[in-house]
């Protein structure tokens, strides 16, 4: 329970069932201290 990431298993099951489940708004990338890129859909 001390990880920064999330299991994508719910997305895999939702896709297999052709359903939608709530998910994060954006995923993060960091290049050097204080420089952040956030990617949404």
ModelCIF file with pLDDT and N, C-alpha, C, O atoms, coordinates in Angstrom:
data_MODEL
#
_entry.id   MODEL 
#
_entity.id                         1 
_entity.type                       polymer 
_entity.pdbx_number_of_molecules   1 
#
_entity_poly.entity_id                      1 
_entity_poly.type                           'polypeptide(L)' 
_entity_poly.nstd_linkage                   no 
_entity_poly.nstd_monomer                   no 
_entity_poly.pdbx_seq_one_letter_code       
;(UNK)(UNK)(UNK)(UNK)(UNK)(UNK)(UNK)(UNK)(UNK)(UNK)(UNK)(UNK)(UNK)(UNK)(UNK)(UNK)
(UNK)(UNK)(UNK)(UNK)(UNK)(UNK)(UNK)(UNK)(UNK)(UNK)(UNK)(UNK)(UNK)(UNK)(UNK)(UNK)
(UNK)(UNK)(UNK)(UNK)(UNK)(UNK)(UNK)(UNK)(UNK)
;
_entity_poly.pdbx_seq_one_letter_code_can   XXXXXXXXXXXXXXXXXXXXXXXXXXXXXXXXXXXXXXXXX 
_entity_poly.pdbx_strand_id                 A 
#
loop_
_entity_poly_seq.entity_id 
_entity_poly_seq.num 
_entity_poly_seq.mon_id 
_entity_poly_seq.hetero 
1 1  UNK n 
1 2  UNK n 
1 3  UNK n 
1 4  UNK n 
1 5  UNK n 
1 6  UNK n 
1 7  UNK n 
1 8  UNK n 
1 9  UNK n 
1 10 UNK n 
1 11 UNK n 
1 12 UNK n 
1 13 UNK n 
1 14 UNK n 
1 15 UNK n 
1 16 UNK n 
1 17 UNK n 
1 18 UNK n 
1 19 UNK n 
1 20 UNK n 
1 21 UNK n 
1 22 UNK n 
1 23 UNK n 
1 24 UNK n 
1 25 UNK n 
1 26 UNK n 
1 27 UNK n 
1 28 UNK n 
1 29 UNK n 
1 30 UNK n 
1 31 UNK n 
1 32 UNK n 
1 33 UNK n 
1 34 UNK n 
1 35 UNK n 
1 36 UNK n 
1 37 UNK n 
1 38 UNK n 
1 39 UNK n 
1 40 UNK n 
1 41 UNK n 
#
_struct_asym.id          A 
_struct_asym.entity_id   1 
#
loop_
_ma_qa_metric.id 
_ma_qa_metric.mode 
_ma_qa_metric.name 
_ma_qa_metric.software_group_id 
_ma_qa_metric.type 
1 global pLDDT . pLDDT 
2 local  pLDDT . pLDDT 
#
_ma_qa_metric_global.metric_id      1 
_ma_qa_metric_global.metric_value   88.61 
_ma_qa_metric_global.model_id       1 
_ma_qa_metric_global.ordinal_id     1 
#
loop_
_ma_qa_metric_local.label_asym_id 
_ma_qa_metric_local.label_comp_id 
_ma_qa_metric_local.label_seq_id 
_ma_qa_metric_local.metric_id 
_ma_qa_metric_local.metric_value 
_ma_qa_metric_local.model_id 
_ma_qa_metric_local.ordinal_id 
A UNK 1  2 93.00 1 1  
A UNK 2  2 94.00 1 2  
A UNK 3  2 98.00 1 3  
A UNK 4  2 98.00 1 4  
A UNK 5  2 97.00 1 5  
A UNK 6  2 97.00 1 6  
A UNK 7  2 97.00 1 7  
A UNK 8  2 97.00 1 8  
A UNK 9  2 96.00 1 9  
A UNK 10 2 94.00 1 10 
A UNK 11 2 95.00 1 11 
A UNK 12 2 94.00 1 12 
A UNK 13 2 82.00 1 13 
A UNK 14 2 69.00 1 14 
A UNK 15 2 62.00 1 15 
A UNK 16 2 56.00 1 16 
A UNK 17 2 60.00 1 17 
A UNK 18 2 53.00 1 18 
A UNK 19 2 53.00 1 19 
A UNK 20 2 59.00 1 20 
A UNK 21 2 66.00 1 21 
A UNK 22 2 82.00 1 22 
A UNK 23 2 94.00 1 23 
A UNK 24 2 95.00 1 24 
A UNK 25 2 96.00 1 25 
A UNK 26 2 98.00 1 26 
A UNK 27 2 98.00 1 27 
A UNK 28 2 98.00 1 28 
A UNK 29 2 98.00 1 29 
A UNK 30 2 98.00 1 30 
A UNK 31 2 97.00 1 31 
A UNK 32 2 94.00 1 32 
A UNK 33 2 94.00 1 33 
A UNK 34 2 96.00 1 34 
A UNK 35 2 98.00 1 35 
A UNK 36 2 98.00 1 36 
A UNK 37 2 98.00 1 37 
A UNK 38 2 98.00 1 38 
A UNK 39 2 98.00 1 39 
A UNK 40 2 98.00 1 40 
A UNK 41 2 97.00 1 41 
#
loop_
_atom_site.group_PDB 
_atom_site.id 
_atom_site.type_symbol 
_atom_site.label_atom_id 
_atom_site.label_alt_id 
_atom_site.label_comp_id 
_atom_site.label_asym_id 
_atom_site.label_entity_id 
_atom_site.label_seq_id 
_atom_site.pdbx_PDB_ins_code 
_atom_site.Cartn_x 
_atom_site.Cartn_y 
_atom_site.Cartn_z 
_atom_site.occupancy 
_atom_site.B_iso_or_equiv 
_atom_site.pdbx_formal_charge 
_atom_site.auth_seq_id 
_atom_site.auth_comp_id 
_atom_site.auth_asym_id 
_atom_site.auth_atom_id 
_atom_site.pdbx_PDB_model_num 
ATOM 1   N N  . UNK A 1 1  ? 0.807   -1.227 0.000   1.00 93.00 ? 1  UNK A N  1 
ATOM 2   C CA . UNK A 1 1  ? 0.000   0.000  0.000   1.00 93.00 ? 1  UNK A CA 1 
ATOM 3   C C  . UNK A 1 1  ? 0.834   1.268  0.000   1.00 93.00 ? 1  UNK A C  1 
ATOM 4   O O  . UNK A 1 1  ? 0.298   2.363  0.170   1.00 93.00 ? 1  UNK A O  1 
ATOM 5   N N  . UNK A 1 2  ? 2.147   1.131  -0.190  1.00 94.00 ? 2  UNK A N  1 
ATOM 6   C CA . UNK A 1 2  ? 3.018   2.307  -0.149  1.00 94.00 ? 2  UNK A CA 1 
ATOM 7   C C  . UNK A 1 2  ? 3.648   2.594  -1.511  1.00 94.00 ? 2  UNK A C  1 
ATOM 8   O O  . UNK A 1 2  ? 4.748   3.143  -1.580  1.00 94.00 ? 2  UNK A O  1 
ATOM 9   N N  . UNK A 1 3  ? 2.963   2.226  -2.589  1.00 98.00 ? 3  UNK A N  1 
ATOM 10  C CA . UNK A 1 3  ? 3.456   2.471  -3.938  1.00 98.00 ? 3  UNK A CA 1 
ATOM 11  C C  . UNK A 1 3  ? 2.792   3.712  -4.528  1.00 98.00 ? 3  UNK A C  1 
ATOM 12  O O  . UNK A 1 3  ? 1.677   4.068  -4.146  1.00 98.00 ? 3  UNK A O  1 
ATOM 13  N N  . UNK A 1 4  ? 3.481   4.367  -5.459  1.00 98.00 ? 4  UNK A N  1 
ATOM 14  C CA . UNK A 1 4  ? 2.912   5.539  -6.119  1.00 98.00 ? 4  UNK A CA 1 
ATOM 15  C C  . UNK A 1 4  ? 1.999   5.163  -7.287  1.00 98.00 ? 4  UNK A C  1 
ATOM 16  O O  . UNK A 1 4  ? 1.140   5.952  -7.681  1.00 98.00 ? 4  UNK A O  1 
ATOM 17  N N  . UNK A 1 5  ? 2.180   3.969  -7.838  1.00 97.00 ? 5  UNK A N  1 
ATOM 18  C CA . UNK A 1 5  ? 1.402   3.554  -8.991  1.00 97.00 ? 5  UNK A CA 1 
ATOM 19  C C  . UNK A 1 5  ? 0.112   2.858  -8.607  1.00 97.00 ? 5  UNK A C  1 
ATOM 20  O O  . UNK A 1 5  ? -0.179  2.652  -7.429  1.00 97.00 ? 5  UNK A O  1 
ATOM 21  N N  . UNK A 1 6  ? -0.658  2.497  -9.631  1.00 97.00 ? 6  UNK A N  1 
ATOM 22  C CA . UNK A 1 6  ? -1.929  1.814  -9.460  1.00 97.00 ? 6  UNK A CA 1 
ATOM 23  C C  . UNK A 1 6  ? -1.925  0.523  -10.275 1.00 97.00 ? 6  UNK A C  1 
ATOM 24  O O  . UNK A 1 6  ? -1.286  0.452  -11.325 1.00 97.00 ? 6  UNK A O  1 
ATOM 25  N N  . UNK A 1 7  ? -2.624  -0.478 -9.802  1.00 97.00 ? 7  UNK A N  1 
ATOM 26  C CA . UNK A 1 7  ? -2.812  -1.680 -10.610 1.00 97.00 ? 7  UNK A CA 1 
ATOM 27  C C  . UNK A 1 7  ? -3.781  -1.361 -11.745 1.00 97.00 ? 7  UNK A C  1 
ATOM 28  O O  . UNK A 1 7  ? -4.851  -0.795 -11.520 1.00 97.00 ? 7  UNK A O  1 
ATOM 29  N N  . UNK A 1 8  ? -3.397  -1.730 -12.962 1.00 97.00 ? 8  UNK A N  1 
ATOM 30  C CA . UNK A 1 8  ? -4.280  -1.504 -14.107 1.00 97.00 ? 8  UNK A CA 1 
ATOM 31  C C  . UNK A 1 8  ? -5.231  -2.679 -14.325 1.00 97.00 ? 8  UNK A C  1 
ATOM 32  O O  . UNK A 1 8  ? -5.971  -2.703 -15.308 1.00 97.00 ? 8  UNK A O  1 
ATOM 33  N N  . UNK A 1 9  ? -5.215  -3.639 -13.425 1.00 96.00 ? 9  UNK A N  1 
ATOM 34  C CA . UNK A 1 9  ? -6.102  -4.796 -13.558 1.00 96.00 ? 9  UNK A CA 1 
ATOM 35  C C  . UNK A 1 9  ? -7.562  -4.390 -13.717 1.00 96.00 ? 9  UNK A C  1 
ATOM 36  O O  . UNK A 1 9  ? -8.257  -4.991 -14.537 1.00 96.00 ? 9  UNK A O  1 
ATOM 37  N N  . UNK A 1 10 ? -8.068  -3.399 -12.975 1.00 94.00 ? 10 UNK A N  1 
ATOM 38  C CA . UNK A 1 10 ? -9.462  -2.996 -13.185 1.00 94.00 ? 10 UNK A CA 1 
ATOM 39  C C  . UNK A 1 10 ? -9.739  -2.509 -14.606 1.00 94.00 ? 10 UNK A C  1 
ATOM 40  O O  . UNK A 1 10 ? -10.827 -2.744 -15.132 1.00 94.00 ? 10 UNK A O  1 
ATOM 41  N N  . UNK A 1 11 ? -8.780  -1.837 -15.232 1.00 95.00 ? 11 UNK A N  1 
ATOM 42  C CA . UNK A 1 11 ? -8.960  -1.394 -16.611 1.00 95.00 ? 11 UNK A CA 1 
ATOM 43  C C  . UNK A 1 11 ? -8.998  -2.579 -17.565 1.00 95.00 ? 11 UNK A C  1 
ATOM 44  O O  . UNK A 1 11 ? -9.751  -2.575 -18.539 1.00 95.00 ? 11 UNK A O  1 
ATOM 45  N N  . UNK A 1 12 ? -8.191  -3.583 -17.287 1.00 94.00 ? 12 UNK A N  1 
ATOM 46  C CA . UNK A 1 12 ? -8.176  -4.774 -18.124 1.00 94.00 ? 12 UNK A CA 1 
ATOM 47  C C  . UNK A 1 12 ? -9.515  -5.498 -18.046 1.00 94.00 ? 12 UNK A C  1 
ATOM 48  O O  . UNK A 1 12 ? -10.042 -5.943 -19.065 1.00 94.00 ? 12 UNK A O  1 
ATOM 49  N N  . UNK A 1 13 ? -10.058 -5.615 -16.855 1.00 82.00 ? 13 UNK A N  1 
ATOM 50  C CA . UNK A 1 13 ? -11.331 -6.303 -16.688 1.00 82.00 ? 13 UNK A CA 1 
ATOM 51  C C  . UNK A 1 13 ? -12.460 -5.477 -17.269 1.00 82.00 ? 13 UNK A C  1 
ATOM 52  O O  . UNK A 1 13 ? -13.392 -6.018 -17.863 1.00 82.00 ? 13 UNK A O  1 
ATOM 53  N N  . UNK A 1 14 ? -12.375 -4.141 -17.095 1.00 69.00 ? 14 UNK A N  1 
ATOM 54  C CA . UNK A 1 14 ? -13.417 -3.283 -17.638 1.00 69.00 ? 14 UNK A CA 1 
ATOM 55  C C  . UNK A 1 14 ? -13.443 -3.349 -19.156 1.00 69.00 ? 14 UNK A C  1 
ATOM 56  O O  . UNK A 1 14 ? -14.512 -3.355 -19.768 1.00 69.00 ? 14 UNK A O  1 
ATOM 57  N N  . UNK A 1 15 ? -12.256 -3.400 -19.765 1.00 62.00 ? 15 UNK A N  1 
ATOM 58  C CA . UNK A 1 15 ? -12.192 -3.483 -21.222 1.00 62.00 ? 15 UNK A CA 1 
ATOM 59  C C  . UNK A 1 15 ? -12.750 -4.816 -21.712 1.00 62.00 ? 15 UNK A C  1 
ATOM 60  O O  . UNK A 1 15 ? -13.473 -4.879 -22.706 1.00 62.00 ? 15 UNK A O  1 
ATOM 61  N N  . UNK A 1 16 ? -12.400 -5.867 -20.999 1.00 56.00 ? 16 UNK A N  1 
ATOM 62  C CA . UNK A 1 16 ? -12.891 -7.188 -21.397 1.00 56.00 ? 16 UNK A CA 1 
ATOM 63  C C  . UNK A 1 16 ? -14.417 -7.264 -21.296 1.00 56.00 ? 16 UNK A C  1 
ATOM 64  O O  . UNK A 1 16 ? -15.075 -7.988 -22.043 1.00 56.00 ? 16 UNK A O  1 
ATOM 65  N N  . UNK A 1 17 ? -14.956 -6.489 -20.345 1.00 60.00 ? 17 UNK A N  1 
ATOM 66  C CA . UNK A 1 17 ? -16.404 -6.495 -20.153 1.00 60.00 ? 17 UNK A CA 1 
ATOM 67  C C  . UNK A 1 17 ? -17.072 -5.340 -20.905 1.00 60.00 ? 17 UNK A C  1 
ATOM 68  O O  . UNK A 1 17 ? -18.276 -5.119 -20.777 1.00 60.00 ? 17 UNK A O  1 
ATOM 69  N N  . UNK A 1 18 ? -16.263 -4.597 -21.702 1.00 53.00 ? 18 UNK A N  1 
ATOM 70  C CA . UNK A 1 18 ? -16.767 -3.454 -22.474 1.00 53.00 ? 18 UNK A CA 1 
ATOM 71  C C  . UNK A 1 18 ? -17.411 -2.430 -21.558 1.00 53.00 ? 18 UNK A C  1 
ATOM 72  O O  . UNK A 1 18 ? -18.421 -1.821 -21.912 1.00 53.00 ? 18 UNK A O  1 
ATOM 73  N N  . UNK A 1 19 ? -16.840 -2.243 -20.402 1.00 53.00 ? 19 UNK A N  1 
ATOM 74  C CA . UNK A 1 19 ? -17.384 -1.276 -19.452 1.00 53.00 ? 19 UNK A CA 1 
ATOM 75  C C  . UNK A 1 19 ? -16.416 -0.141 -19.170 1.00 53.00 ? 19 UNK A C  1 
ATOM 76  O O  . UNK A 1 19 ? -15.281 -0.157 -19.645 1.00 53.00 ? 19 UNK A O  1 
ATOM 77  N N  . UNK A 1 20 ? -16.852 0.827  -18.412 1.00 59.00 ? 20 UNK A N  1 
ATOM 78  C CA . UNK A 1 20 ? -16.025 1.967  -18.035 1.00 59.00 ? 20 UNK A CA 1 
ATOM 79  C C  . UNK A 1 20 ? -15.896 1.991  -16.523 1.00 59.00 ? 20 UNK A C  1 
ATOM 80  O O  . UNK A 1 20 ? -16.868 1.749  -15.807 1.00 59.00 ? 20 UNK A O  1 
ATOM 81  N N  . UNK A 1 21 ? -14.711 2.278  -16.041 1.00 66.00 ? 21 UNK A N  1 
ATOM 82  C CA . UNK A 1 21 ? -14.507 2.413  -14.609 1.00 66.00 ? 21 UNK A CA 1 
ATOM 83  C C  . UNK A 1 21 ? -13.730 3.698  -14.356 1.00 66.00 ? 21 UNK A C  1 
ATOM 84  O O  . UNK A 1 21 ? -12.913 4.093  -15.188 1.00 66.00 ? 21 UNK A O  1 
ATOM 85  N N  . UNK A 1 22 ? -13.967 4.355  -13.228 1.00 82.00 ? 22 UNK A N  1 
ATOM 86  C CA . UNK A 1 22 ? -13.242 5.595  -12.929 1.00 82.00 ? 22 UNK A CA 1 
ATOM 87  C C  . UNK A 1 22 ? -11.742 5.341  -12.906 1.00 82.00 ? 22 UNK A C  1 
ATOM 88  O O  . UNK A 1 22 ? -11.284 4.283  -12.475 1.00 82.00 ? 22 UNK A O  1 
ATOM 89  N N  . UNK A 1 23 ? -10.986 6.325  -13.376 1.00 94.00 ? 23 UNK A N  1 
ATOM 90  C CA . UNK A 1 23 ? -9.537  6.182  -13.430 1.00 94.00 ? 23 UNK A CA 1 
ATOM 91  C C  . UNK A 1 23 ? -8.890  7.532  -13.180 1.00 94.00 ? 23 UNK A C  1 
ATOM 92  O O  . UNK A 1 23 ? -9.579  8.549  -13.099 1.00 94.00 ? 23 UNK A O  1 
ATOM 93  N N  . UNK A 1 24 ? -7.576  7.547  -13.057 1.00 95.00 ? 24 UNK A N  1 
ATOM 94  C CA . UNK A 1 24 ? -6.862  8.799  -12.811 1.00 95.00 ? 24 UNK A CA 1 
ATOM 95  C C  . UNK A 1 24 ? -7.060  9.776  -13.976 1.00 95.00 ? 24 UNK A C  1 
ATOM 96  O O  . UNK A 1 24 ? -7.347  9.377  -15.105 1.00 95.00 ? 24 UNK A O  1 
ATOM 97  N N  . UNK A 1 25 ? -6.899  11.047 -13.670 1.00 96.00 ? 25 UNK A N  1 
ATOM 98  C CA . UNK A 1 25 ? -7.037  12.081 -14.698 1.00 96.00 ? 25 UNK A CA 1 
ATOM 99  C C  . UNK A 1 25 ? -5.835  12.101 -15.624 1.00 96.00 ? 25 UNK A C  1 
ATOM 100 O O  . UNK A 1 25 ? -5.984  12.253 -16.836 1.00 96.00 ? 25 UNK A O  1 
ATOM 101 N N  . UNK A 1 26 ? -4.646  11.949 -15.059 1.00 98.00 ? 26 UNK A N  1 
ATOM 102 C CA . UNK A 1 26 ? -3.423  12.035 -15.865 1.00 98.00 ? 26 UNK A CA 1 
ATOM 103 C C  . UNK A 1 26 ? -2.315  11.239 -15.201 1.00 98.00 ? 26 UNK A C  1 
ATOM 104 O O  . UNK A 1 26 ? -2.308  11.054 -13.984 1.00 98.00 ? 26 UNK A O  1 
ATOM 105 N N  . UNK A 1 27 ? -1.375  10.767 -16.020 1.00 98.00 ? 27 UNK A N  1 
ATOM 106 C CA . UNK A 1 27 ? -0.196  10.068 -15.511 1.00 98.00 ? 27 UNK A CA 1 
ATOM 107 C C  . UNK A 1 27 ? 0.992   11.016 -15.587 1.00 98.00 ? 27 UNK A C  1 
ATOM 108 O O  . UNK A 1 27 ? 1.038   11.888 -16.455 1.00 98.00 ? 27 UNK A O  1 
ATOM 109 N N  . UNK A 1 28 ? 1.949   10.851 -14.687 1.00 98.00 ? 28 UNK A N  1 
ATOM 110 C CA . UNK A 1 28 ? 3.021   11.827 -14.509 1.00 98.00 ? 28 UNK A CA 1 
ATOM 111 C C  . UNK A 1 28 ? 4.378   11.303 -14.984 1.00 98.00 ? 28 UNK A C  1 
ATOM 112 O O  . UNK A 1 28 ? 4.691   10.119 -14.859 1.00 98.00 ? 28 UNK A O  1 
ATOM 113 N N  . UNK A 1 29 ? 5.175   12.230 -15.534 1.00 98.00 ? 29 UNK A N  1 
ATOM 114 C CA . UNK A 1 29 ? 6.578   11.982 -15.862 1.00 98.00 ? 29 UNK A CA 1 
ATOM 115 C C  . UNK A 1 29 ? 7.392   13.132 -15.293 1.00 98.00 ? 29 UNK A C  1 
ATOM 116 O O  . UNK A 1 29 ? 6.930   14.273 -15.264 1.00 98.00 ? 29 UNK A O  1 
ATOM 117 N N  . UNK A 1 30 ? 8.611   12.828 -14.839 1.00 98.00 ? 30 UNK A N  1 
ATOM 118 C CA . UNK A 1 30 ? 9.457   13.833 -14.186 1.00 98.00 ? 30 UNK A CA 1 
ATOM 119 C C  . UNK A 1 30 ? 10.842  13.803 -14.808 1.00 98.00 ? 30 UNK A C  1 
ATOM 120 O O  . UNK A 1 30 ? 11.429  12.737 -14.994 1.00 98.00 ? 30 UNK A O  1 
ATOM 121 N N  . UNK A 1 31 ? 11.358  14.984 -15.127 1.00 97.00 ? 31 UNK A N  1 
ATOM 122 C CA . UNK A 1 31 ? 12.707  15.089 -15.703 1.00 97.00 ? 31 UNK A CA 1 
ATOM 123 C C  . UNK A 1 31 ? 13.479  16.122 -14.909 1.00 97.00 ? 31 UNK A C  1 
ATOM 124 O O  . UNK A 1 31 ? 13.367  17.321 -15.165 1.00 97.00 ? 31 UNK A O  1 
ATOM 125 N N  . UNK A 1 32 ? 14.260  15.663 -13.946 1.00 94.00 ? 32 UNK A N  1 
ATOM 126 C CA . UNK A 1 32 ? 14.952  16.571 -13.051 1.00 94.00 ? 32 UNK A CA 1 
ATOM 127 C C  . UNK A 1 32 ? 14.005  17.079 -11.976 1.00 94.00 ? 32 UNK A C  1 
ATOM 128 O O  . UNK A 1 32 ? 12.785  16.995 -12.122 1.00 94.00 ? 32 UNK A O  1 
ATOM 129 N N  . UNK A 1 33 ? 14.558  17.594 -10.919 1.00 94.00 ? 33 UNK A N  1 
ATOM 130 C CA . UNK A 1 33 ? 13.753  18.041 -9.776  1.00 94.00 ? 33 UNK A CA 1 
ATOM 131 C C  . UNK A 1 33 ? 12.864  19.229 -10.160 1.00 94.00 ? 33 UNK A C  1 
ATOM 132 O O  . UNK A 1 33 ? 13.359  20.265 -10.603 1.00 94.00 ? 33 UNK A O  1 
ATOM 133 N N  . UNK A 1 34 ? 11.559  19.068 -9.986  1.00 96.00 ? 34 UNK A N  1 
ATOM 134 C CA . UNK A 1 34 ? 10.632  20.170 -10.190 1.00 96.00 ? 34 UNK A CA 1 
ATOM 135 C C  . UNK A 1 34 ? 10.073  20.315 -11.585 1.00 96.00 ? 34 UNK A C  1 
ATOM 136 O O  . UNK A 1 34 ? 9.296   21.237 -11.833 1.00 96.00 ? 34 UNK A O  1 
ATOM 137 N N  . UNK A 1 35 ? 10.440  19.435 -12.512 1.00 98.00 ? 35 UNK A N  1 
ATOM 138 C CA . UNK A 1 35 ? 9.950   19.529 -13.889 1.00 98.00 ? 35 UNK A CA 1 
ATOM 139 C C  . UNK A 1 35 ? 9.033   18.341 -14.159 1.00 98.00 ? 35 UNK A C  1 
ATOM 140 O O  . UNK A 1 35 ? 9.463   17.189 -14.111 1.00 98.00 ? 35 UNK A O  1 
ATOM 141 N N  . UNK A 1 36 ? 7.753   18.637 -14.448 1.00 98.00 ? 36 UNK A N  1 
ATOM 142 C CA . UNK A 1 36 ? 6.721   17.613 -14.487 1.00 98.00 ? 36 UNK A CA 1 
ATOM 143 C C  . UNK A 1 36 ? 5.927   17.693 -15.781 1.00 98.00 ? 36 UNK A C  1 
ATOM 144 O O  . UNK A 1 36 ? 5.595   18.781 -16.252 1.00 98.00 ? 36 UNK A O  1 
ATOM 145 N N  . UNK A 1 37 ? 5.629   16.539 -16.349 1.00 98.00 ? 37 UNK A N  1 
ATOM 146 C CA . UNK A 1 37 ? 4.741   16.429 -17.500 1.00 98.00 ? 37 UNK A CA 1 
ATOM 147 C C  . UNK A 1 37 ? 3.571   15.546 -17.102 1.00 98.00 ? 37 UNK A C  1 
ATOM 148 O O  . UNK A 1 37 ? 3.767   14.446 -16.585 1.00 98.00 ? 37 UNK A O  1 
ATOM 149 N N  . UNK A 1 38 ? 2.360   16.022 -17.339 1.00 98.00 ? 38 UNK A N  1 
ATOM 150 C CA . UNK A 1 38 ? 1.152   15.277 -17.010 1.00 98.00 ? 38 UNK A CA 1 
ATOM 151 C C  . UNK A 1 38 ? 0.377   14.997 -18.289 1.00 98.00 ? 38 UNK A C  1 
ATOM 152 O O  . UNK A 1 38 ? 0.100   15.912 -19.064 1.00 98.00 ? 38 UNK A O  1 
ATOM 153 N N  . UNK A 1 39 ? 0.028   13.741 -18.508 1.00 98.00 ? 39 UNK A N  1 
ATOM 154 C CA . UNK A 1 39 ? -0.653  13.336 -19.741 1.00 98.00 ? 39 UNK A CA 1 
ATOM 155 C C  . UNK A 1 39 ? -2.030  12.764 -19.409 1.00 98.00 ? 39 UNK A C  1 
ATOM 156 O O  . UNK A 1 39 ? -2.141  11.739 -18.737 1.00 98.00 ? 39 UNK A O  1 
ATOM 157 N N  . UNK A 1 40 ? -3.063  13.429 -19.881 1.00 98.00 ? 40 UNK A N  1 
ATOM 158 C CA . UNK A 1 40 ? -4.427  12.916 -19.762 1.00 98.00 ? 40 UNK A CA 1 
ATOM 159 C C  . UNK A 1 40 ? -4.803  12.269 -21.092 1.00 98.00 ? 40 UNK A C  1 
ATOM 160 O O  . UNK A 1 40 ? -3.940  12.059 -21.944 1.00 98.00 ? 40 UNK A O  1 
ATOM 161 N N  . UNK A 1 41 ? -6.071  11.956 -21.276 1.00 97.00 ? 41 UNK A N  1 
ATOM 162 C CA . UNK A 1 41 ? -6.479  11.386 -22.559 1.00 97.00 ? 41 UNK A CA 1 
ATOM 163 C C  . UNK A 1 41 ? -6.433  12.426 -23.673 1.00 97.00 ? 41 UNK A C  1 
ATOM 164 O O  . UNK A 1 41 ? -6.746  12.115 -24.822 1.00 97.00 ? 41 UNK A O  1 
#
